[in-house]
């Protein structure tokens, strides 16, 4: 498959913002956009069966190259024919390159033009990966969308180092694309990643460069890394100005409703985050009027569900009082039910967003949602 192939089809653009709906055509089926992707770092979405993720309606999940490379390893994944049959998930999989994990998890990492050396957070073993290696690993995984290796940077990085990081990311993008074209039998779609830290000239240069290259899709990296929400919003809006309209756009690592709505308003098609599943395991769940903590004493005698009208198992079969009991007793079922609820909430939110965009009422939907959810 040539990387020139177009995988994004526009359905409708909102008349009052950059929000849009469409379809992304991938090897394991078509995705309706905008779409949230549950995170399954190790080949599993924590606390929920893959069948249940599919039953909710999700058409794609995310896994991580860094973690899968270290465990179970490429030999195991190759033996089982890739992550789809290994994990019994027959829909689409997007894999992050592992660049963020090298930046955030590994000790004694060293980045140079050739590639990155790092120490495993699991057993301390030493590893060296090139951009070409990362493409090869994701081919073994069988990714439907795979990401280039990139250099992730902290929010407070000085300009000189930020430019150096972007230059390496650019070189790695060129090399990754050449490697991808070498695998003619592989159907996965390689996305380039925009970097540039929080310097607008670097962001513009990166967005224009990556957007003009022969990638079927573009990811925006280096946001939601600890900066203030206003800074995130500003740099997201600025970056999207320079991205092509005919390719899907993916913002990495966002999952709270306000960030999702901001991303959609700026024409973003894909996003992912561990927030929904991680907070669920700690007893925090989404509701129309904000997130609530089920462990709190106020829920002890409440016989109503988390959310009226929600189709998840927790809301159709159990009360807040019972769910509180599960968390206080440290029963696994509590986290599983809360996880299903949070993923159901976000999926239903995405359905509402798509409907609002198609009917040119997204701006009103966003205002109403924020007012009810955040009380502002």
Protein backbone atom coordinates (compact mmCIF):
# COMPACT_ATOMS: atom_id res chain seq x y z
CA UNK A 1 0.00 0.00 0.00
CA UNK A 2 1.37 3.40 -0.97
CA UNK A 3 1.39 6.03 1.72
CA UNK A 4 -0.18 8.42 -0.83
CA UNK A 5 -3.50 6.63 -0.37
CA UNK A 6 -6.15 8.83 1.23
CA UNK A 7 -7.74 7.28 4.28
CA UNK A 8 -9.89 10.21 5.49
CA UNK A 9 -13.31 11.05 4.05
CA UNK A 10 -15.03 14.24 5.16
CA UNK A 11 -18.71 13.95 6.01
CA UNK A 12 -19.60 17.41 7.30
CA UNK A 13 -17.90 20.57 8.59
CA UNK A 14 -19.58 22.62 11.31
CA UNK A 15 -20.58 26.11 10.17
CA UNK A 16 -19.42 27.86 13.34
CA UNK A 17 -16.08 26.17 14.09
CA UNK A 18 -13.44 23.88 12.60
CA UNK A 19 -15.25 20.82 13.99
CA UNK A 20 -15.88 18.12 11.42
CA UNK A 21 -17.20 14.60 11.07
CA UNK A 22 -15.90 11.94 8.74
CA UNK A 23 -14.59 8.44 8.31
CA UNK A 24 -11.10 6.94 8.50
CA UNK A 25 -10.74 3.79 6.41
CA UNK A 26 -8.37 1.29 8.05
CA UNK A 27 -7.45 -2.40 7.57
CA UNK A 28 -9.80 -3.60 10.33
CA UNK A 29 -12.77 -1.42 9.47
CA UNK A 30 -13.90 2.18 9.13
CA UNK A 31 -13.83 4.58 12.09
CA UNK A 32 -16.42 7.32 12.50
CA UNK A 33 -14.82 10.59 13.58
CA UNK A 34 -14.31 12.44 15.83
CA UNK A 35 -13.42 9.38 17.88
CA UNK A 36 -12.00 8.70 21.32
CA UNK A 37 -9.66 5.71 21.60
CA UNK A 38 -9.47 3.70 24.85
CA UNK A 39 -5.91 3.00 25.92
CA UNK A 40 -4.78 -0.63 26.04
CA UNK A 41 -1.08 -0.09 26.69
CA UNK A 42 -0.08 -3.74 27.11
CA UNK A 43 -2.56 -5.13 24.61
CA UNK A 44 -5.51 -4.91 26.99
CA UNK A 45 -7.79 -2.10 28.13
CA UNK A 46 -7.43 -2.37 31.90
CA UNK A 47 -10.45 -3.63 33.81
CA UNK A 48 -12.68 -4.61 30.89
CA UNK A 49 -13.00 -7.44 28.36
CA UNK A 50 -12.30 -6.62 24.71
CA UNK A 51 -15.76 -7.96 23.85
CA UNK A 52 -17.28 -5.35 26.15
CA UNK A 53 -15.18 -2.57 24.61
CA UNK A 54 -16.50 -3.64 21.20
CA UNK A 55 -20.07 -3.92 22.51
CA UNK A 56 -19.96 -0.31 23.68
CA UNK A 57 -19.18 0.57 20.06
CA UNK A 58 -15.47 1.36 19.96
CA UNK A 59 -13.87 0.76 16.58
CA UNK A 60 -10.25 1.33 17.60
CA UNK A 61 -8.07 1.03 20.71
CA UNK A 62 -4.52 2.12 21.43
CA UNK A 63 -1.53 0.00 22.44
CA UNK A 64 2.08 0.99 23.08
CA UNK A 65 5.14 -0.10 21.15
CA UNK A 66 7.60 0.50 24.00
CA UNK A 67 5.71 -1.73 26.43
CA UNK A 68 4.95 -4.49 23.91
CA UNK A 69 8.55 -4.51 22.68
CA UNK A 70 9.77 -5.11 26.24
CA UNK A 71 6.97 -7.55 27.14
CA UNK A 72 5.93 -9.96 25.69
CA UNK A 73 8.49 -9.09 23.00
CA UNK A 74 8.56 -9.33 19.23
CA UNK A 75 9.25 -13.08 19.15
CA UNK A 76 6.03 -13.83 21.01
CA UNK A 77 3.99 -11.34 18.98
CA UNK A 78 5.38 -12.75 15.74
CA UNK A 79 4.60 -16.31 16.86
CA UNK A 80 0.95 -15.41 17.44
CA UNK A 81 0.63 -13.45 14.20
CA UNK A 82 0.48 -10.00 15.78
CA UNK A 83 -1.50 -8.29 18.51
CA UNK A 84 -4.95 -8.72 16.94
CA UNK A 85 -5.07 -12.54 17.23
CA UNK A 86 -2.88 -12.54 20.35
CA UNK A 87 -5.35 -10.34 22.26
CA UNK A 88 -8.52 -11.47 20.44
CA UNK A 89 -9.34 -7.94 19.22
CA UNK A 90 -10.51 -7.91 15.61
CA UNK A 91 -11.02 -4.17 15.24
CA UNK A 92 -8.41 -1.47 14.69
CA UNK A 93 -5.30 -0.84 16.79
CA UNK A 94 -3.20 2.33 16.92
CA UNK A 95 0.26 2.04 18.43
CA UNK A 96 2.24 4.91 19.90
CA UNK A 97 5.90 4.77 18.90
CA UNK A 98 7.11 4.62 22.49
CA UNK A 99 8.89 7.97 22.31
CA UNK A 100 6.93 9.37 25.25
CA UNK A 101 7.60 6.29 27.37
CA UNK A 102 11.33 6.50 26.67
CA UNK A 103 11.13 10.15 27.77
CA UNK A 104 9.04 9.52 30.90
CA UNK A 105 9.83 5.99 32.12
CA UNK A 106 13.29 4.87 31.16
CA UNK A 107 16.48 5.64 33.04
CA UNK A 108 19.73 6.69 31.42
CA UNK A 109 18.10 7.43 28.07
CA UNK A 110 20.27 8.99 25.41
CA UNK A 111 18.96 10.45 22.20
CA UNK A 112 21.13 10.98 19.16
CA UNK A 113 20.59 11.12 15.42
CA UNK A 114 21.00 7.38 14.97
CA UNK A 115 18.28 6.50 17.49
CA UNK A 116 17.61 6.23 21.20
CA UNK A 117 19.28 4.14 23.88
CA UNK A 118 17.43 3.47 27.10
CA UNK A 119 17.13 1.22 30.10
CA UNK A 120 14.05 -0.94 30.60
CA UNK A 121 11.83 0.10 33.51
CA UNK A 122 11.02 -3.62 33.96
CA UNK A 123 14.40 -5.30 34.44
CA UNK A 124 17.02 -2.62 33.83
CA UNK A 125 18.21 -4.17 30.56
CA UNK A 126 19.78 -1.87 27.98
CA UNK A 127 18.24 -1.29 24.55
CA UNK A 128 18.90 0.76 21.44
CA UNK A 129 16.20 1.48 18.85
CA UNK A 130 16.36 3.32 15.56
CA UNK A 131 13.34 4.86 13.80
CA UNK A 132 13.53 1.95 11.38
CA UNK A 133 13.39 -0.54 14.27
CA UNK A 134 10.25 1.11 15.62
CA UNK A 135 8.49 0.78 12.25
CA UNK A 136 9.55 -2.88 12.06
CA UNK A 137 8.24 -3.57 15.56
CA UNK A 138 4.87 -2.02 14.77
CA UNK A 139 4.69 -4.13 11.61
CA UNK A 140 5.12 -7.23 13.79
CA UNK A 141 2.42 -5.90 16.13
CA UNK A 142 0.19 -5.51 13.08
CA UNK A 143 -0.80 -1.91 13.81
CA UNK A 144 -3.55 -0.34 11.72
CA UNK A 145 -2.11 3.09 12.58
CA UNK A 146 1.54 3.28 13.60
CA UNK A 147 3.54 6.28 14.75
CA UNK A 148 7.01 7.53 13.89
CA UNK A 149 9.60 7.58 16.63
CA UNK A 150 9.82 11.17 17.87
CA UNK A 151 11.63 13.19 20.54
CA UNK A 152 9.31 14.22 23.38
CA UNK A 153 10.32 17.30 25.36
CA UNK A 154 9.29 18.89 28.68
CA UNK A 155 7.21 22.06 28.66
CA UNK A 156 10.00 24.28 30.00
CA UNK A 157 12.72 23.34 27.51
CA UNK A 158 14.97 26.13 26.24
CA UNK A 159 14.68 27.12 22.58
CA UNK A 160 17.99 25.71 21.37
CA UNK A 161 17.25 22.25 22.73
CA UNK A 162 13.66 22.41 21.47
CA UNK A 163 14.90 23.11 17.94
CA UNK A 164 17.44 20.31 18.20
CA UNK A 165 14.70 17.90 19.32
CA UNK A 166 12.46 18.93 16.41
CA UNK A 167 15.31 18.51 13.92
CA UNK A 168 15.90 14.95 15.12
CA UNK A 169 12.16 14.26 14.98
CA UNK A 170 12.14 15.51 11.38
CA UNK A 171 15.07 13.30 10.38
CA UNK A 172 13.43 10.31 12.07
CA UNK A 173 10.16 11.02 10.21
CA UNK A 174 11.98 10.87 6.86
CA UNK A 175 13.70 7.63 7.79
CA UNK A 176 10.49 6.10 9.19
CA UNK A 177 8.60 6.87 6.01
CA UNK A 178 11.29 5.27 3.87
CA UNK A 179 11.23 2.18 6.07
CA UNK A 180 7.43 1.98 5.89
CA UNK A 181 7.54 2.01 2.08
CA UNK A 182 9.95 -0.91 2.22
CA UNK A 183 7.21 -3.13 3.73
CA UNK A 184 4.97 -3.39 0.67
CA UNK A 185 2.92 -6.27 2.13
CA UNK A 186 2.01 -4.32 5.27
CA UNK A 187 -1.32 -2.45 5.33
CA UNK A 188 -0.70 -0.26 8.38
CA UNK A 189 -0.84 3.52 8.06
CA UNK A 190 2.19 5.47 9.33
CA UNK A 191 1.42 8.86 10.90
CA UNK A 192 3.97 11.63 11.28
CA UNK A 193 4.17 13.55 14.56
CA UNK A 194 4.30 17.33 14.94
CA UNK A 195 6.62 18.58 17.67
CA UNK A 196 8.23 21.97 18.35
CA UNK A 197 7.64 22.35 22.07
CA UNK A 198 5.97 25.66 23.04
CA UNK A 199 7.64 27.83 20.43
CA UNK A 200 5.29 28.93 17.67
CA UNK A 201 7.92 29.22 14.96
CA UNK A 202 8.98 25.62 15.63
CA UNK A 203 5.37 24.46 15.79
CA UNK A 204 4.59 26.12 12.45
CA UNK A 205 7.70 24.68 10.83
CA UNK A 206 6.99 21.22 12.20
CA UNK A 207 3.30 21.22 11.22
CA UNK A 208 4.04 22.39 7.67
CA UNK A 209 6.91 19.93 7.24
CA UNK A 210 5.16 16.84 8.62
CA UNK A 211 1.87 17.79 6.96
CA UNK A 212 3.50 18.05 3.54
CA UNK A 213 5.25 14.68 3.79
CA UNK A 214 3.82 11.47 2.39
CA UNK A 215 1.96 10.44 5.55
CA UNK A 216 -1.74 9.48 5.37
CA UNK A 217 -2.33 11.10 8.78
CA UNK A 218 -0.76 13.55 11.22
CA UNK A 219 -0.45 13.45 15.02
CA UNK A 220 0.13 16.49 17.23
CA UNK A 221 2.57 15.63 19.98
CA UNK A 222 4.08 17.61 22.82
CA UNK A 223 0.79 18.98 24.18
CA UNK A 224 -0.98 18.08 27.42
CA UNK A 225 2.41 17.61 29.09
CA UNK A 226 1.76 19.77 32.14
CA UNK A 227 1.10 23.16 30.55
CA UNK A 228 -1.83 25.36 31.62
CA UNK A 229 -5.15 24.69 29.82
CA UNK A 230 -5.04 28.12 28.15
CA UNK A 231 -1.59 27.35 26.75
CA UNK A 232 -2.79 23.97 25.48
CA UNK A 233 -5.76 25.60 23.76
CA UNK A 234 -3.63 28.35 22.21
CA UNK A 235 -0.97 26.02 20.82
CA UNK A 236 -3.52 23.47 19.62
CA UNK A 237 -5.42 26.11 17.65
CA UNK A 238 -2.19 27.57 16.29
CA UNK A 239 -0.78 24.22 15.19
CA UNK A 240 -3.92 23.07 13.35
CA UNK A 241 -3.78 26.18 11.15
CA UNK A 242 -0.86 24.64 9.29
CA UNK A 243 -2.11 21.06 8.91
CA UNK A 244 -3.65 19.71 5.70
CA UNK A 245 -7.42 19.35 5.62
CA UNK A 246 -7.45 16.06 3.72
CA UNK A 247 -5.62 14.00 6.37
CA UNK A 248 -6.90 12.76 9.75
CA UNK A 249 -5.57 14.67 12.76
CA UNK A 250 -4.73 13.02 16.06
CA UNK A 251 -3.94 14.81 19.34
CA UNK A 252 -2.05 12.50 21.66
CA UNK A 253 -2.93 12.07 25.32
CA UNK A 254 -6.15 14.01 25.97
CA UNK A 255 -9.30 12.55 27.52
CA UNK A 256 -11.10 15.01 29.81
CA UNK A 257 -14.36 16.38 28.37
CA UNK A 258 -13.14 19.99 28.18
CA UNK A 259 -9.97 19.03 26.30
CA UNK A 260 -11.96 16.74 23.97
CA UNK A 261 -14.42 19.52 23.14
CA UNK A 262 -11.57 21.97 22.56
CA UNK A 263 -9.86 19.50 20.25
CA UNK A 264 -13.04 18.83 18.25
CA UNK A 265 -13.62 22.59 17.90
CA UNK A 266 -10.17 22.80 16.31
CA UNK A 267 -10.84 20.09 13.74
CA UNK A 268 -9.21 17.14 15.54
CA UNK A 269 -10.43 13.68 14.55
CA UNK A 270 -8.75 11.30 17.05
CA UNK A 271 -7.61 11.43 20.67
CA UNK A 272 -6.73 9.01 23.48
CA UNK A 273 -6.07 9.08 27.20
CA UNK A 274 -5.80 6.77 30.21
CA UNK A 275 -7.97 9.12 32.30
CA UNK A 276 -11.26 7.25 31.83
CA UNK A 277 -9.90 3.85 32.90
CA UNK A 278 -7.37 5.01 35.50
CA UNK A 279 -9.84 7.16 37.42
CA UNK A 280 -12.44 4.38 37.20
CA UNK A 281 -10.13 1.99 39.04
CA UNK A 282 -9.93 4.58 41.83
CA UNK A 283 -13.71 4.97 42.03
CA UNK A 284 -14.17 8.20 40.05
CA UNK A 285 -16.85 8.17 37.36
CA UNK A 286 -18.18 10.58 34.76
CA UNK A 287 -21.70 11.98 35.08
CA UNK A 288 -23.56 14.69 33.17
CA UNK A 289 -22.85 17.06 36.06
CA UNK A 290 -19.20 16.26 36.51
CA UNK A 291 -17.07 13.51 37.93
CA UNK A 292 -18.06 11.93 41.26
CA UNK A 293 -16.10 9.76 43.68
CA UNK A 294 -18.07 6.60 44.53
CA UNK A 295 -16.08 5.92 47.71
CA UNK A 296 -17.54 8.96 49.46
CA UNK A 297 -19.90 8.35 52.38
CA UNK A 298 -22.72 10.34 50.75
CA UNK A 299 -23.34 7.39 48.40
CA UNK A 300 -23.71 4.72 51.09
CA UNK A 301 -27.52 4.61 51.05
CA UNK A 302 -28.17 5.82 47.50
CA UNK A 303 -30.22 3.36 45.51
CA UNK A 304 -30.10 5.22 42.17
CA UNK A 305 -27.61 4.46 39.38
CA UNK A 306 -24.61 6.60 38.52
CA UNK A 307 -26.48 8.08 35.54
CA UNK A 308 -30.10 7.66 34.54
CA UNK A 309 -30.37 6.45 30.96
CA UNK A 310 -26.81 5.11 30.75
CA UNK A 311 -26.70 1.67 29.12
CA UNK A 312 -23.66 0.32 30.99
CA UNK A 313 -23.88 -2.63 33.38
CA UNK A 314 -23.27 -0.46 36.45
CA UNK A 315 -26.18 1.84 35.65
CA UNK A 316 -28.64 -0.81 34.49
CA UNK A 317 -28.06 -3.32 37.30
CA UNK A 318 -26.50 -1.66 40.36
CA UNK A 319 -26.90 1.26 42.73
CA UNK A 320 -24.35 3.84 43.84
CA UNK A 321 -24.60 2.27 47.28
CA UNK A 322 -23.52 -1.14 46.02
CA UNK A 323 -20.74 0.33 43.91
CA UNK A 324 -19.45 2.22 46.95
CA UNK A 325 -19.45 -1.04 48.89
CA UNK A 326 -17.36 -2.73 46.17
CA UNK A 327 -14.72 -0.02 46.29
CA UNK A 328 -14.63 0.13 50.10
CA UNK A 329 -14.25 -3.67 50.18
CA UNK A 330 -11.57 -3.43 47.46
CA UNK A 331 -13.44 -5.82 45.21
CA UNK A 332 -12.21 -6.00 41.59
CA UNK A 333 -15.75 -5.77 40.27
CA UNK A 334 -15.99 -2.14 41.37
CA UNK A 335 -13.21 -1.01 39.07
CA UNK A 336 -14.51 -3.15 36.21
CA UNK A 337 -18.00 -1.69 36.42
CA UNK A 338 -16.69 1.87 36.74
CA UNK A 339 -14.40 1.33 33.74
CA UNK A 340 -17.29 0.16 31.58
CA UNK A 341 -19.32 3.16 32.72
CA UNK A 342 -16.62 5.73 31.94
CA UNK A 343 -15.95 4.28 28.51
CA UNK A 344 -19.70 4.17 27.82
CA UNK A 345 -20.01 7.81 28.90
CA UNK A 346 -17.25 8.95 26.54
CA UNK A 347 -18.57 6.89 23.66
CA UNK A 348 -22.05 8.37 24.10
CA UNK A 349 -20.46 11.84 24.31
CA UNK A 350 -18.70 11.24 20.98
CA UNK A 351 -21.99 10.18 19.40
CA UNK A 352 -23.59 13.40 20.64
CA UNK A 353 -20.66 15.46 19.35
CA UNK A 354 -20.89 13.92 15.88
CA UNK A 355 -24.64 14.55 15.77
CA UNK A 356 -24.15 18.16 16.89
CA UNK A 357 -21.51 18.80 14.23
CA UNK A 358 -23.65 17.23 11.49
CA UNK A 359 -26.55 19.50 12.52
CA UNK A 360 -24.36 22.64 12.80
CA UNK A 361 -25.12 23.07 16.52
CA UNK A 362 -21.73 22.05 17.93
CA UNK A 363 -21.01 25.46 19.48
CA UNK A 364 -24.28 25.30 21.44
CA UNK A 365 -23.66 21.68 22.42
CA UNK A 366 -20.21 22.62 23.74
CA UNK A 367 -21.55 25.54 25.78
CA UNK A 368 -24.36 23.45 27.26
CA UNK A 369 -22.08 20.53 28.09
CA UNK A 370 -19.46 22.72 29.79
CA UNK A 371 -22.14 24.60 31.73
CA UNK A 372 -23.70 21.41 33.07
CA UNK A 373 -20.52 19.36 33.58
CA UNK A 374 -18.24 22.03 35.03
CA UNK A 375 -20.87 24.43 36.35
CA UNK A 376 -19.53 27.36 34.39
